[in-house]
Protein backbone atom coordinates (compact mmCIF):
# COMPACT_ATOMS: atom_id res chain seq x y z
CA MET A 1 0.00 0.00 0.00
CA VAL A 2 1.45 3.35 -1.05
CA THR A 3 1.93 6.17 1.47
CA TYR A 4 1.23 9.88 1.08
CA GLU A 5 4.95 10.68 1.09
CA GLU A 6 5.76 8.02 -1.51
CA LEU A 7 3.32 9.49 -4.02
CA GLN A 8 5.29 12.78 -4.23
CA LEU A 9 2.15 14.76 -5.03
CA ARG A 10 2.18 18.11 -6.80
CA ASN A 11 -1.12 20.03 -6.73
CA VAL A 12 -2.08 21.37 -10.16
CA ALA A 13 -5.73 22.52 -10.06
CA THR A 14 -8.79 22.98 -7.86
CA LEU A 15 -11.66 20.56 -8.49
CA GLY A 16 -14.09 21.96 -5.92
CA CYS A 17 -14.45 23.75 -2.58
CA GLY A 18 -16.39 22.90 0.57
CA THR A 19 -17.00 24.13 4.10
CA PHE A 20 -13.74 22.93 5.63
CA GLY A 21 -11.44 22.75 2.64
CA ARG A 22 -11.35 21.77 -0.99
CA VAL A 23 -10.67 19.00 -3.50
CA GLU A 24 -7.52 19.38 -5.58
CA LEU A 25 -6.18 17.63 -8.64
CA ALA A 26 -2.66 16.40 -7.89
CA TRP A 27 0.01 14.79 -10.04
CA SER A 28 2.11 11.97 -8.58
CA GLU A 29 5.71 12.09 -9.74
CA ALA A 30 6.22 8.57 -8.40
CA LYS A 31 3.19 6.94 -10.04
CA GLN A 32 2.94 9.22 -13.08
CA GLU A 33 -0.81 9.65 -12.68
CA TYR A 34 -3.40 12.04 -11.31
CA TYR A 35 -5.20 11.82 -7.98
CA ALA A 36 -8.04 13.76 -6.35
CA VAL A 37 -6.99 15.08 -2.94
CA LYS A 38 -9.68 16.19 -0.49
CA LYS A 39 -8.19 18.54 2.10
CA PHE A 40 -9.69 19.51 5.45
CA ASN A 41 -8.30 22.52 7.31
CA ILE A 42 -7.39 21.12 10.74
CA HIS A 43 -7.88 24.36 12.68
CA GLU A 44 -11.35 24.96 11.22
CA VAL A 45 -12.43 21.34 11.74
CA VAL A 46 -11.42 21.45 15.42
CA GLN A 47 -12.86 24.91 16.02
CA GLN A 48 -16.25 23.75 14.71
CA ASN A 49 -16.03 20.41 16.52
CA ARG A 50 -16.28 18.36 13.31
CA MET A 51 -13.49 15.92 14.12
CA GLU A 52 -15.73 12.85 14.24
CA TYR A 53 -17.40 13.74 10.93
CA VAL A 54 -14.04 13.91 9.16
CA LYS A 55 -12.84 10.68 10.73
CA ARG A 56 -16.13 9.02 9.77
CA GLU A 57 -15.72 9.96 6.12
CA LYS A 58 -12.32 8.31 6.03
CA GLN A 59 -13.56 5.16 7.79
CA LEU A 60 -16.58 4.76 5.53
CA LEU A 61 -14.48 5.18 2.39
CA LEU A 62 -12.24 2.37 3.64
CA MET A 63 -15.24 0.17 4.47
CA SER A 64 -16.96 0.87 1.15
CA SER A 65 -14.20 -0.27 -1.18
CA CYS A 66 -15.69 -1.72 -4.38
CA SER A 67 -15.79 -1.16 -8.15
CA PHE A 68 -18.60 1.41 -7.87
CA VAL A 69 -17.12 3.65 -5.15
CA VAL A 70 -14.22 6.06 -5.53
CA GLU A 71 -11.14 4.40 -4.01
CA LEU A 72 -9.33 5.91 -1.04
CA VAL A 73 -5.64 5.44 -1.89
CA CYS A 74 -4.01 6.87 1.24
CA THR A 75 -4.21 9.67 3.79
CA GLY A 76 -1.83 12.46 4.74
CA MET A 77 -1.44 15.26 7.28
CA ASP A 78 0.67 18.38 7.59
CA ARG A 79 0.50 21.44 9.87
CA VAL A 80 -2.46 22.90 7.97
CA ASN A 81 -4.53 20.10 6.41
CA LEU A 82 -5.75 16.55 6.66
CA SER A 83 -5.77 14.89 3.22
CA LEU A 84 -7.77 12.07 1.69
CA VAL A 85 -6.00 10.93 -1.48
CA MET A 86 -8.45 9.27 -3.86
CA GLU A 87 -8.32 7.91 -7.36
CA PHE A 88 -9.04 10.62 -9.91
CA ILE A 89 -12.13 9.83 -12.00
CA HIS A 90 -11.29 11.08 -15.48
CA GLY A 91 -14.75 11.31 -17.03
CA GLY A 92 -16.32 13.87 -14.72
CA GLU A 93 -20.03 13.98 -13.87
CA LEU A 94 -22.35 11.45 -15.50
CA SER A 95 -25.10 14.02 -16.03
CA ASP A 96 -22.89 16.05 -18.39
CA TYR A 97 -23.09 13.22 -20.93
CA LEU A 98 -26.84 12.71 -20.76
CA ASN A 99 -27.97 16.22 -21.66
CA ASP A 100 -27.57 16.04 -25.44
CA MET A 101 -28.55 12.43 -26.12
CA SER A 102 -31.39 11.29 -28.35
CA GLU A 103 -34.37 9.80 -26.52
CA GLU A 104 -33.37 6.25 -27.47
CA ASP A 105 -29.73 6.68 -26.46
CA LEU A 106 -30.76 8.42 -23.24
CA ARG A 107 -33.02 5.56 -22.21
CA ALA A 108 -30.24 3.03 -22.85
CA ALA A 109 -27.70 5.09 -20.90
CA VAL A 110 -30.01 5.69 -17.93
CA HIS A 111 -30.86 1.98 -17.88
CA PHE A 112 -27.17 0.99 -17.83
CA TYR A 113 -26.12 3.48 -15.17
CA SER A 114 -29.12 2.83 -12.95
CA VAL A 115 -27.99 -0.82 -12.89
CA GLU A 116 -24.52 0.18 -11.72
CA ILE A 117 -25.94 2.58 -9.10
CA VAL A 118 -28.11 -0.26 -7.77
CA CYS A 119 -24.95 -2.38 -7.48
CA ALA A 120 -23.24 0.44 -5.57
CA LEU A 121 -26.15 0.95 -3.16
CA GLN A 122 -26.55 -2.77 -2.53
CA HIS A 123 -22.87 -2.97 -1.63
CA LEU A 124 -23.07 -0.01 0.76
CA HIS A 125 -26.24 -1.29 2.38
CA SER A 126 -24.63 -4.72 2.89
CA LYS A 127 -22.09 -2.86 5.05
CA SER A 128 -24.92 -1.09 6.95
CA ILE A 129 -23.91 2.21 5.33
CA VAL A 130 -26.57 4.73 4.34
CA TYR A 131 -25.16 7.11 1.72
CA ARG A 132 -27.64 10.03 2.04
CA ASP A 133 -26.23 12.15 -0.79
CA LEU A 134 -27.20 10.48 -4.05
CA LYS A 135 -27.40 13.26 -6.66
CA PRO A 136 -25.99 13.93 -10.15
CA GLU A 137 -22.90 15.77 -8.89
CA ASN A 138 -21.73 12.71 -6.95
CA LEU A 139 -21.94 10.26 -9.85
CA LEU A 140 -18.69 10.22 -11.83
CA LEU A 141 -17.63 8.33 -14.96
CA THR A 142 -14.37 6.43 -15.19
CA LYS A 143 -12.26 6.62 -18.33
CA ASN A 144 -13.80 3.24 -19.28
CA GLY A 145 -17.36 4.54 -18.98
CA HIS A 146 -18.42 2.97 -15.67
CA VAL A 147 -20.00 4.93 -12.82
CA LYS A 148 -18.51 5.59 -9.38
CA ILE A 149 -20.08 7.21 -6.34
CA ALA A 150 -18.00 10.00 -4.80
CA ASP A 151 -18.14 12.16 -1.65
CA PHE A 152 -18.92 10.31 1.57
CA GLY A 153 -19.28 13.45 3.66
CA LEU A 154 -22.89 12.61 4.59
CA ALA A 155 -22.64 8.82 4.68
CA LYS A 156 -23.24 7.07 8.00
CA LEU A 157 -22.84 3.63 9.53
CA LEU A 158 -26.33 2.69 10.69
CA LYS A 159 -27.08 1.34 14.15
CA GLY A 160 -30.85 1.45 14.09
CA LYS A 161 -32.62 4.53 12.78
CA THR A 162 -31.01 7.94 12.31
CA TYR A 163 -32.70 11.34 12.47
CA THR A 164 -30.41 13.99 10.97
CA ILE A 165 -31.93 16.09 8.19
CA CYS A 166 -29.22 16.25 5.55
CA GLY A 167 -28.72 16.01 1.80
CA THR A 168 -29.87 18.09 -1.16
CA ALA A 169 -33.53 19.10 -0.90
CA GLU A 170 -34.82 17.63 -4.19
CA TYR A 171 -33.45 14.15 -3.34
CA ILE A 172 -34.50 13.87 0.32
CA ALA A 173 -37.04 11.20 1.27
CA PRO A 174 -40.26 12.19 3.07
CA GLU A 175 -39.43 10.34 6.30
CA VAL A 176 -36.30 12.51 6.65
CA ILE A 177 -38.35 15.70 6.37
CA LEU A 178 -40.97 14.37 8.78
CA LYS A 179 -38.25 13.55 11.35
CA LYS A 180 -39.61 10.03 11.85
CA GLY A 181 -36.25 8.35 11.84
CA TYR A 182 -34.96 6.60 8.73
CA GLY A 183 -32.65 3.96 7.32
CA ILE A 184 -31.19 2.77 4.02
CA ALA A 185 -34.51 3.17 2.19
CA VAL A 186 -33.74 6.89 1.79
CA ASP A 187 -31.10 5.95 -0.79
CA TRP A 188 -33.66 4.06 -2.88
CA TRP A 189 -35.91 7.12 -2.81
CA SER A 190 -33.02 9.25 -4.10
CA LEU A 191 -32.42 6.74 -6.90
CA GLY A 192 -36.06 7.08 -7.95
CA VAL A 193 -35.64 10.86 -8.09
CA LEU A 194 -32.44 10.47 -10.11
CA ILE A 195 -33.91 8.12 -12.70
CA PHE A 196 -36.90 10.44 -13.16
CA GLU A 197 -34.60 13.45 -13.53
CA PHE A 198 -32.27 11.75 -15.98
CA LEU A 199 -35.18 10.67 -18.19
CA CYS A 200 -37.25 13.86 -17.92
CA GLY A 201 -34.62 16.58 -17.52
CA ARG A 202 -36.00 17.76 -14.17
CA PRO A 203 -36.55 16.27 -10.70
CA PRO A 204 -40.10 15.15 -9.82
CA PHE A 205 -40.34 17.48 -6.82
CA CYS A 206 -39.55 21.15 -7.44
CA GLY A 207 -40.10 24.55 -5.85
CA GLU A 208 -38.63 28.02 -5.61
CA THR A 209 -37.69 27.51 -1.96
CA THR A 210 -36.53 24.55 0.10
CA GLU A 211 -39.83 24.52 1.98
CA GLN A 212 -41.76 24.38 -1.31
CA VAL A 213 -39.63 21.42 -2.40
CA PHE A 214 -40.24 19.70 0.94
CA GLU A 215 -43.98 20.28 0.62
CA ALA A 216 -43.94 18.73 -2.88
CA ILE A 217 -42.11 15.71 -1.45
CA ARG A 218 -44.62 15.38 1.39
CA GLN A 219 -47.50 15.50 -1.10
CA CYS A 220 -45.69 13.03 -3.40
CA ASN A 221 -47.78 13.85 -6.47
CA ILE A 222 -45.72 12.70 -9.45
CA THR A 223 -46.57 13.82 -12.98
CA PHE A 224 -45.02 11.63 -15.67
CA PRO A 225 -44.53 12.71 -19.30
CA ASP A 226 -46.83 10.84 -21.69
CA GLN A 227 -43.85 9.31 -23.49
CA MET A 228 -42.32 7.85 -20.32
CA ASP A 229 -41.40 4.17 -20.70
CA ALA A 230 -43.95 2.05 -18.81
CA TYR A 231 -41.33 -0.10 -17.09
CA ALA A 232 -39.35 2.97 -16.04
CA ARG A 233 -42.52 4.52 -14.64
CA GLU A 234 -43.24 1.35 -12.66
CA LEU A 235 -39.71 1.31 -11.21
CA ILE A 236 -39.83 4.99 -10.27
CA LEU A 237 -43.18 4.57 -8.51
CA THR A 238 -41.75 1.62 -6.57
CA LEU A 239 -38.70 3.64 -5.49
CA LEU A 240 -40.79 6.70 -4.62
CA ASP A 241 -43.21 4.78 -2.43
CA ARG A 242 -44.07 6.76 0.72
CA ASP A 243 -43.68 3.51 2.69
CA PRO A 244 -39.90 3.02 3.15
CA SER A 245 -40.31 -0.72 3.74
CA LYS A 246 -41.52 -1.19 0.15
CA ARG A 247 -38.63 0.58 -1.57
CA GLY A 248 -35.81 -1.39 -3.14
CA VAL A 249 -37.49 -4.72 -2.36
CA ASP A 250 -36.59 -7.28 -5.04
CA ILE A 251 -35.32 -4.39 -7.16
CA CYS A 252 -33.21 -6.60 -9.42
CA ASN A 253 -36.37 -8.33 -10.64
CA GLN A 254 -38.13 -5.13 -11.69
CA LYS A 255 -39.29 -5.26 -15.33
CA TRP A 256 -37.07 -2.26 -16.15
CA PHE A 257 -34.12 -4.53 -15.29
CA GLY A 258 -35.58 -7.64 -16.91
CA ASP A 259 -32.68 -8.28 -19.31
CA VAL A 260 -29.83 -7.50 -16.89
CA ASP A 261 -27.16 -10.08 -16.05
CA TRP A 262 -26.42 -8.85 -12.53
CA ASP A 263 -23.31 -11.00 -12.07
CA LYS A 264 -21.79 -9.43 -15.18
CA ALA A 265 -22.85 -5.97 -14.03
CA ARG A 266 -21.11 -6.38 -10.66
CA LYS A 267 -17.95 -7.53 -12.45
CA LEU A 268 -18.02 -4.54 -14.85
CA SER A 269 -18.39 -7.02 -17.71
CA ILE A 270 -21.19 -5.18 -19.54
CA GLN A 271 -20.08 -2.72 -22.22
CA PRO A 272 -20.89 0.88 -21.18
CA PRO A 273 -22.97 2.97 -23.61
CA LEU A 274 -20.35 5.72 -23.78
CA ILE A 275 -16.65 6.31 -23.28
CA PRO A 276 -15.58 9.76 -22.01
CA ALA A 277 -13.15 11.83 -24.05
CA PRO A 278 -9.67 12.26 -22.52
CA PHE A 279 -9.81 14.93 -19.83
CA ASP A 280 -8.00 18.26 -20.17
CA VAL A 281 -6.37 19.66 -17.02
CA THR A 282 -7.08 23.20 -18.28
CA ASP A 283 -10.81 22.52 -17.81
CA PHE A 284 -10.34 22.92 -14.06
CA SER A 285 -9.98 26.03 -11.90
CA PRO A 286 -6.48 27.38 -11.14
CA LEU A 287 -4.96 26.12 -7.93
CA SER A 288 -5.88 28.04 -4.76
CA GLU A 289 -3.01 28.18 -2.30
CA ASP A 290 -3.22 28.07 1.51
CA VAL A 291 -1.93 31.62 1.85
CA ASP A 292 -4.62 32.64 4.34
CA LYS A 293 -4.78 29.40 6.31
CA GLU A 294 -3.05 29.32 9.66
CA ALA A 295 -1.15 26.27 10.81
CA SER A 296 -2.90 24.16 13.40
CA ALA A 297 -1.65 23.87 16.96
CA GLN A 298 -0.14 20.56 18.10
CA ARG A 299 -3.10 20.00 20.44
CA GLU A 300 -5.41 20.27 17.40
CA ARG A 301 -3.37 17.78 15.41
CA ASP A 302 -3.42 15.40 18.38
CA HIS A 303 -7.11 14.74 17.62
CA PHE A 304 -5.93 12.95 14.45
CA ALA A 305 -2.98 10.95 15.78
CA ASP A 306 -4.01 7.85 13.78
CA TRP A 307 -5.15 9.70 10.65
CA CYS A 308 -2.51 8.15 8.40
CA GLU A 309 -3.36 4.58 9.39
CA MET A 310 -5.31 2.87 6.61
CA LYS A 311 -7.34 0.55 8.81
CA THR A 312 -11.06 0.34 9.45
CA GLU A 313 -12.17 0.49 13.08
CA ALA A 314 -13.19 -3.16 12.90
CA SER A 315 -9.66 -4.22 11.93
CA GLN A 316 -7.86 -2.17 14.57
């Protein structure tokens, strides 16, 4: 297993920014390939008492390792940042490729990628992990055209029900909004929203404000286009059932998935409907330096004494 120091990383661009840090594109002189590096500012994480959230993201990435989840390669720490070094997914966001497709090609692509997302969710749920952030921005395409789920900032290891309201409004299940306590079924709801959005160009529940979106979700009145495929409609209605216990049940036998060889799908043995063009590093934002970030105190870094150990809690 490679270490952070062995990679000899050189940051070259900014991929995105978040509350406690950012994601950078880095080039490894040792491996001669790109990586995505998610950095958390130690001082800010400690000041806002988010230590356990950051540690949880690392642990769940380690636990979730599979073909449909972005791989955590290693971790690093300096006086300013904690780093999660992940494989760089060359194709970018899946949704970017769906926008200009013909209706026939779109249906085939959505069918293929919904199969792979099901495989990803089934794997996470088998580990008792609820993802809670399924949305277009977190679905990336590999250079070979397969999908990977990224960003485990909201994922959680379930021990019974959980109650936190989190996620992006349009994809949140009704039981989350109603504060009833929820489990893995919220991910199946989000998949139903995604499939509808990919096929129709808009999510099924919309509004000008978050509260209007939540009210639409509570009402759960879904209007399908006349041309919607009947099997797709049936699947979406199953996933968007107000009763969480009915979602995702026997999903692999849904008529929409009638011709799928699931063993081949899990082994990435089905030919993807598209192959991304080679990425261009100039497509990304210029690198933002840590010029205004203060170094953390030793007592702050002490919270993360085992950060660079690549072990799950169960194996420690």
